Amino acid sequence: MSRFDYVKYDQTAEDLQRIAKGYTRALEGIILGLGQGRAQSLALTKLEEVYMWIGKAIRDEQIKRNGSAELQEERNNG
């Protein structure tokens, strides 16, 4: 298994992802309400990065917890 493989989340990982998505959406709403400009743009970019890294951490924790994870073959692009 490669660190670049997409894996199917188990229920625990799905629950964590759902919680993370809720928090990031809430923060997105706050950021969007602050007005346009460089600060807003950077904040949204950083929020996207946070969400991406949370997903990676959830993936890695699932693999650590289970010893492996089922791959999402439909997302494999070679």
N, C-alpha and C. Protein backbone atom coordinates (compact mmCIF):
# COMPACT_ATOMS: atom_id res chain seq x y z
N MET A 1 0.84 -1.18 0.00
CA MET A 1 0.00 0.00 0.00
C MET A 1 0.89 1.24 0.00
N SER A 2 0.53 2.16 -0.86
CA SER A 2 1.27 3.41 -0.97
C SER A 2 0.58 4.50 -0.17
N ARG A 3 1.35 5.45 0.29
CA ARG A 3 0.76 6.61 0.98
C ARG A 3 -0.14 7.41 0.06
N PHE A 4 -0.07 7.15 -1.24
CA PHE A 4 -0.87 7.88 -2.21
C PHE A 4 -2.13 7.13 -2.65
N ASP A 5 -2.33 5.93 -2.11
CA ASP A 5 -3.52 5.16 -2.43
C ASP A 5 -4.74 5.74 -1.72
N TYR A 6 -5.85 5.74 -2.42
CA TYR A 6 -7.13 6.11 -1.81
C TYR A 6 -7.67 4.88 -1.10
N VAL A 7 -8.16 5.06 0.11
CA VAL A 7 -8.72 3.94 0.86
C VAL A 7 -10.17 4.23 1.21
N LYS A 8 -10.93 3.15 1.39
CA LYS A 8 -12.31 3.29 1.84
C LYS A 8 -12.30 3.49 3.34
N TYR A 9 -13.04 4.47 3.80
CA TYR A 9 -13.13 4.72 5.23
C TYR A 9 -14.02 3.70 5.90
N ASP A 10 -13.62 3.30 7.11
CA ASP A 10 -14.51 2.50 7.94
C ASP A 10 -15.46 3.46 8.66
N GLN A 11 -16.36 2.94 9.49
CA GLN A 11 -17.36 3.78 10.13
C GLN A 11 -16.74 4.83 11.03
N THR A 12 -15.71 4.46 11.77
CA THR A 12 -15.04 5.42 12.66
C THR A 12 -14.45 6.58 11.86
N ALA A 13 -13.78 6.25 10.77
CA ALA A 13 -13.19 7.29 9.93
C ALA A 13 -14.26 8.16 9.29
N GLU A 14 -15.36 7.56 8.84
CA GLU A 14 -16.46 8.33 8.26
C GLU A 14 -17.03 9.30 9.28
N ASP A 15 -17.19 8.85 10.51
CA ASP A 15 -17.73 9.71 11.57
C ASP A 15 -16.80 10.90 11.83
N LEU A 16 -15.50 10.63 11.90
CA LEU A 16 -14.53 11.71 12.12
C LEU A 16 -14.54 12.70 10.96
N GLN A 17 -14.62 12.19 9.74
CA GLN A 17 -14.65 13.05 8.56
C GLN A 17 -15.89 13.93 8.56
N ARG A 18 -17.03 13.36 8.94
CA ARG A 18 -18.27 14.12 8.99
C ARG A 18 -18.18 15.26 10.02
N ILE A 19 -17.58 14.97 11.17
CA ILE A 19 -17.38 16.00 12.20
C ILE A 19 -16.46 17.09 11.68
N ALA A 20 -15.35 16.69 11.08
CA ALA A 20 -14.39 17.67 10.54
C ALA A 20 -15.05 18.54 9.48
N LYS A 21 -15.87 17.92 8.63
CA LYS A 21 -16.54 18.68 7.58
C LYS A 21 -17.49 19.71 8.19
N GLY A 22 -18.19 19.33 9.24
CA GLY A 22 -19.08 20.28 9.90
C GLY A 22 -18.35 21.49 10.44
N TYR A 23 -17.22 21.24 11.10
CA TYR A 23 -16.43 22.35 11.64
C TYR A 23 -15.86 23.22 10.54
N THR A 24 -15.35 22.61 9.47
CA THR A 24 -14.76 23.42 8.41
C THR A 24 -15.82 24.22 7.68
N ARG A 25 -17.01 23.66 7.52
CA ARG A 25 -18.10 24.43 6.89
C ARG A 25 -18.50 25.62 7.77
N ALA A 26 -18.52 25.40 9.07
CA ALA A 26 -18.85 26.51 9.98
C ALA A 26 -17.80 27.62 9.87
N LEU A 27 -16.54 27.23 9.85
CA LEU A 27 -15.48 28.23 9.69
C LEU A 27 -15.54 28.91 8.34
N GLU A 28 -15.88 28.16 7.31
CA GLU A 28 -16.02 28.75 5.99
C GLU A 28 -17.08 29.85 6.02
N GLY A 29 -18.19 29.60 6.67
CA GLY A 29 -19.24 30.60 6.77
C GLY A 29 -18.77 31.86 7.46
N ILE A 30 -18.00 31.70 8.52
CA ILE A 30 -17.45 32.86 9.22
C ILE A 30 -16.50 33.63 8.32
N ILE A 31 -15.62 32.91 7.66
CA ILE A 31 -14.63 33.55 6.78
C ILE A 31 -15.33 34.30 5.64
N LEU A 32 -16.34 33.67 5.03
CA LEU A 32 -17.04 34.32 3.92
C LEU A 32 -17.78 35.57 4.37
N GLY A 33 -18.14 35.63 5.63
CA GLY A 33 -18.83 36.80 6.16
C GLY A 33 -17.91 37.96 6.49
N LEU A 34 -16.62 37.76 6.38
CA LEU A 34 -15.67 38.81 6.75
C LEU A 34 -15.36 39.77 5.62
N GLY A 35 -15.85 39.53 4.46
CA GLY A 35 -15.59 40.44 3.34
C GLY A 35 -14.45 39.93 2.48
N GLN A 36 -14.50 40.32 1.22
CA GLN A 36 -13.51 39.85 0.26
C GLN A 36 -12.19 40.57 0.42
N GLY A 37 -11.16 39.89 0.02
CA GLY A 37 -9.83 40.47 0.07
C GLY A 37 -8.79 39.38 0.24
N ARG A 38 -7.57 39.80 0.33
CA ARG A 38 -6.45 38.86 0.44
C ARG A 38 -6.56 38.00 1.70
N ALA A 39 -6.92 38.62 2.81
CA ALA A 39 -7.02 37.88 4.07
C ALA A 39 -8.07 36.77 3.96
N GLN A 40 -9.21 37.10 3.37
CA GLN A 40 -10.25 36.08 3.21
C GLN A 40 -9.77 34.96 2.30
N SER A 41 -9.14 35.33 1.21
CA SER A 41 -8.64 34.35 0.26
C SER A 41 -7.62 33.41 0.91
N LEU A 42 -6.70 33.97 1.66
CA LEU A 42 -5.70 33.15 2.35
C LEU A 42 -6.34 32.26 3.41
N ALA A 43 -7.30 32.81 4.13
CA ALA A 43 -7.97 32.03 5.17
C ALA A 43 -8.70 30.83 4.55
N LEU A 44 -9.37 31.04 3.42
CA LEU A 44 -10.06 29.93 2.75
C LEU A 44 -9.07 28.89 2.24
N THR A 45 -7.94 29.34 1.71
CA THR A 45 -6.92 28.41 1.26
C THR A 45 -6.39 27.57 2.42
N LYS A 46 -6.12 28.22 3.54
CA LYS A 46 -5.62 27.50 4.71
C LYS A 46 -6.67 26.54 5.24
N LEU A 47 -7.93 26.93 5.17
CA LEU A 47 -9.00 26.04 5.62
C LEU A 47 -9.08 24.80 4.74
N GLU A 48 -8.90 24.99 3.44
CA GLU A 48 -8.85 23.84 2.52
C GLU A 48 -7.69 22.92 2.88
N GLU A 49 -6.55 23.51 3.22
CA GLU A 49 -5.39 22.71 3.62
C GLU A 49 -5.68 21.94 4.90
N VAL A 50 -6.31 22.60 5.85
CA VAL A 50 -6.67 21.94 7.11
C VAL A 50 -7.54 20.73 6.83
N TYR A 51 -8.56 20.91 6.01
CA TYR A 51 -9.48 19.81 5.70
C TYR A 51 -8.74 18.66 5.01
N MET A 52 -7.84 19.01 4.09
CA MET A 52 -7.05 17.98 3.40
C MET A 52 -6.19 17.19 4.39
N TRP A 53 -5.51 17.90 5.29
CA TRP A 53 -4.61 17.22 6.23
C TRP A 53 -5.39 16.43 7.27
N ILE A 54 -6.57 16.89 7.64
CA ILE A 54 -7.40 16.10 8.54
C ILE A 54 -7.76 14.78 7.86
N GLY A 55 -8.13 14.85 6.58
CA GLY A 55 -8.45 13.63 5.84
C GLY A 55 -7.28 12.67 5.79
N LYS A 56 -6.09 13.20 5.59
CA LYS A 56 -4.87 12.37 5.57
C LYS A 56 -4.63 11.74 6.93
N ALA A 57 -4.82 12.52 7.99
CA ALA A 57 -4.61 12.00 9.35
C ALA A 57 -5.63 10.91 9.67
N ILE A 58 -6.88 11.11 9.26
CA ILE A 58 -7.92 10.10 9.49
C ILE A 58 -7.56 8.83 8.74
N ARG A 59 -7.12 8.97 7.50
CA ARG A 59 -6.71 7.81 6.69
C ARG A 59 -5.58 7.05 7.37
N ASP A 60 -4.55 7.78 7.77
CA ASP A 60 -3.39 7.14 8.39
C ASP A 60 -3.76 6.47 9.71
N GLU A 61 -4.62 7.09 10.49
CA GLU A 61 -5.04 6.51 11.77
C GLU A 61 -5.86 5.24 11.54
N GLN A 62 -6.70 5.25 10.51
CA GLN A 62 -7.48 4.05 10.20
C GLN A 62 -6.55 2.89 9.84
N ILE A 63 -5.56 3.16 9.01
CA ILE A 63 -4.62 2.11 8.62
C ILE A 63 -3.85 1.61 9.84
N LYS A 64 -3.43 2.53 10.69
CA LYS A 64 -2.72 2.14 11.92
C LYS A 64 -3.61 1.29 12.83
N ARG A 65 -4.86 1.71 12.96
CA ARG A 65 -5.81 1.02 13.84
C ARG A 65 -6.14 -0.39 13.32
N ASN A 66 -6.31 -0.51 11.99
CA ASN A 66 -6.74 -1.78 11.41
C ASN A 66 -5.62 -2.60 10.79
N GLY A 67 -4.44 -2.03 10.67
CA GLY A 67 -3.33 -2.73 10.04
C GLY A 67 -3.29 -2.57 8.54
N SER A 68 -4.41 -2.19 7.95
CA SER A 68 -4.51 -1.92 6.52
C SER A 68 -5.88 -1.30 6.26
N ALA A 69 -6.19 -1.08 5.00
CA ALA A 69 -7.50 -0.56 4.63
C ALA A 69 -7.81 -0.98 3.21
N GLU A 70 -9.07 -1.17 2.93
CA GLU A 70 -9.51 -1.53 1.60
C GLU A 70 -9.27 -0.34 0.66
N LEU A 71 -8.73 -0.63 -0.50
CA LEU A 71 -8.46 0.43 -1.47
C LEU A 71 -9.72 0.83 -2.22
N GLN A 72 -9.76 2.06 -2.66
CA GLN A 72 -10.82 2.54 -3.55
C GLN A 72 -10.30 2.41 -4.96
N GLU A 73 -10.45 1.24 -5.54
CA GLU A 73 -9.89 0.97 -6.87
C GLU A 73 -10.45 1.91 -7.92
N GLU A 74 -11.71 2.34 -7.76
CA GLU A 74 -12.32 3.22 -8.75
C GLU A 74 -11.64 4.59 -8.80
N ARG A 75 -10.88 4.95 -7.76
CA ARG A 75 -10.17 6.23 -7.75
C ARG A 75 -8.72 6.08 -8.18
N ASN A 76 -8.27 4.89 -8.44
CA ASN A 76 -6.89 4.64 -8.83
C ASN A 76 -6.69 5.09 -10.27
N ASN A 77 -5.79 6.02 -10.44
CA ASN A 77 -5.52 6.51 -11.79
C ASN A 77 -4.12 6.09 -12.27
N GLY A 78 -3.64 5.01 -11.71
CA GLY A 78 -2.38 4.45 -12.20
C GLY A 78 -1.27 4.82 -11.35
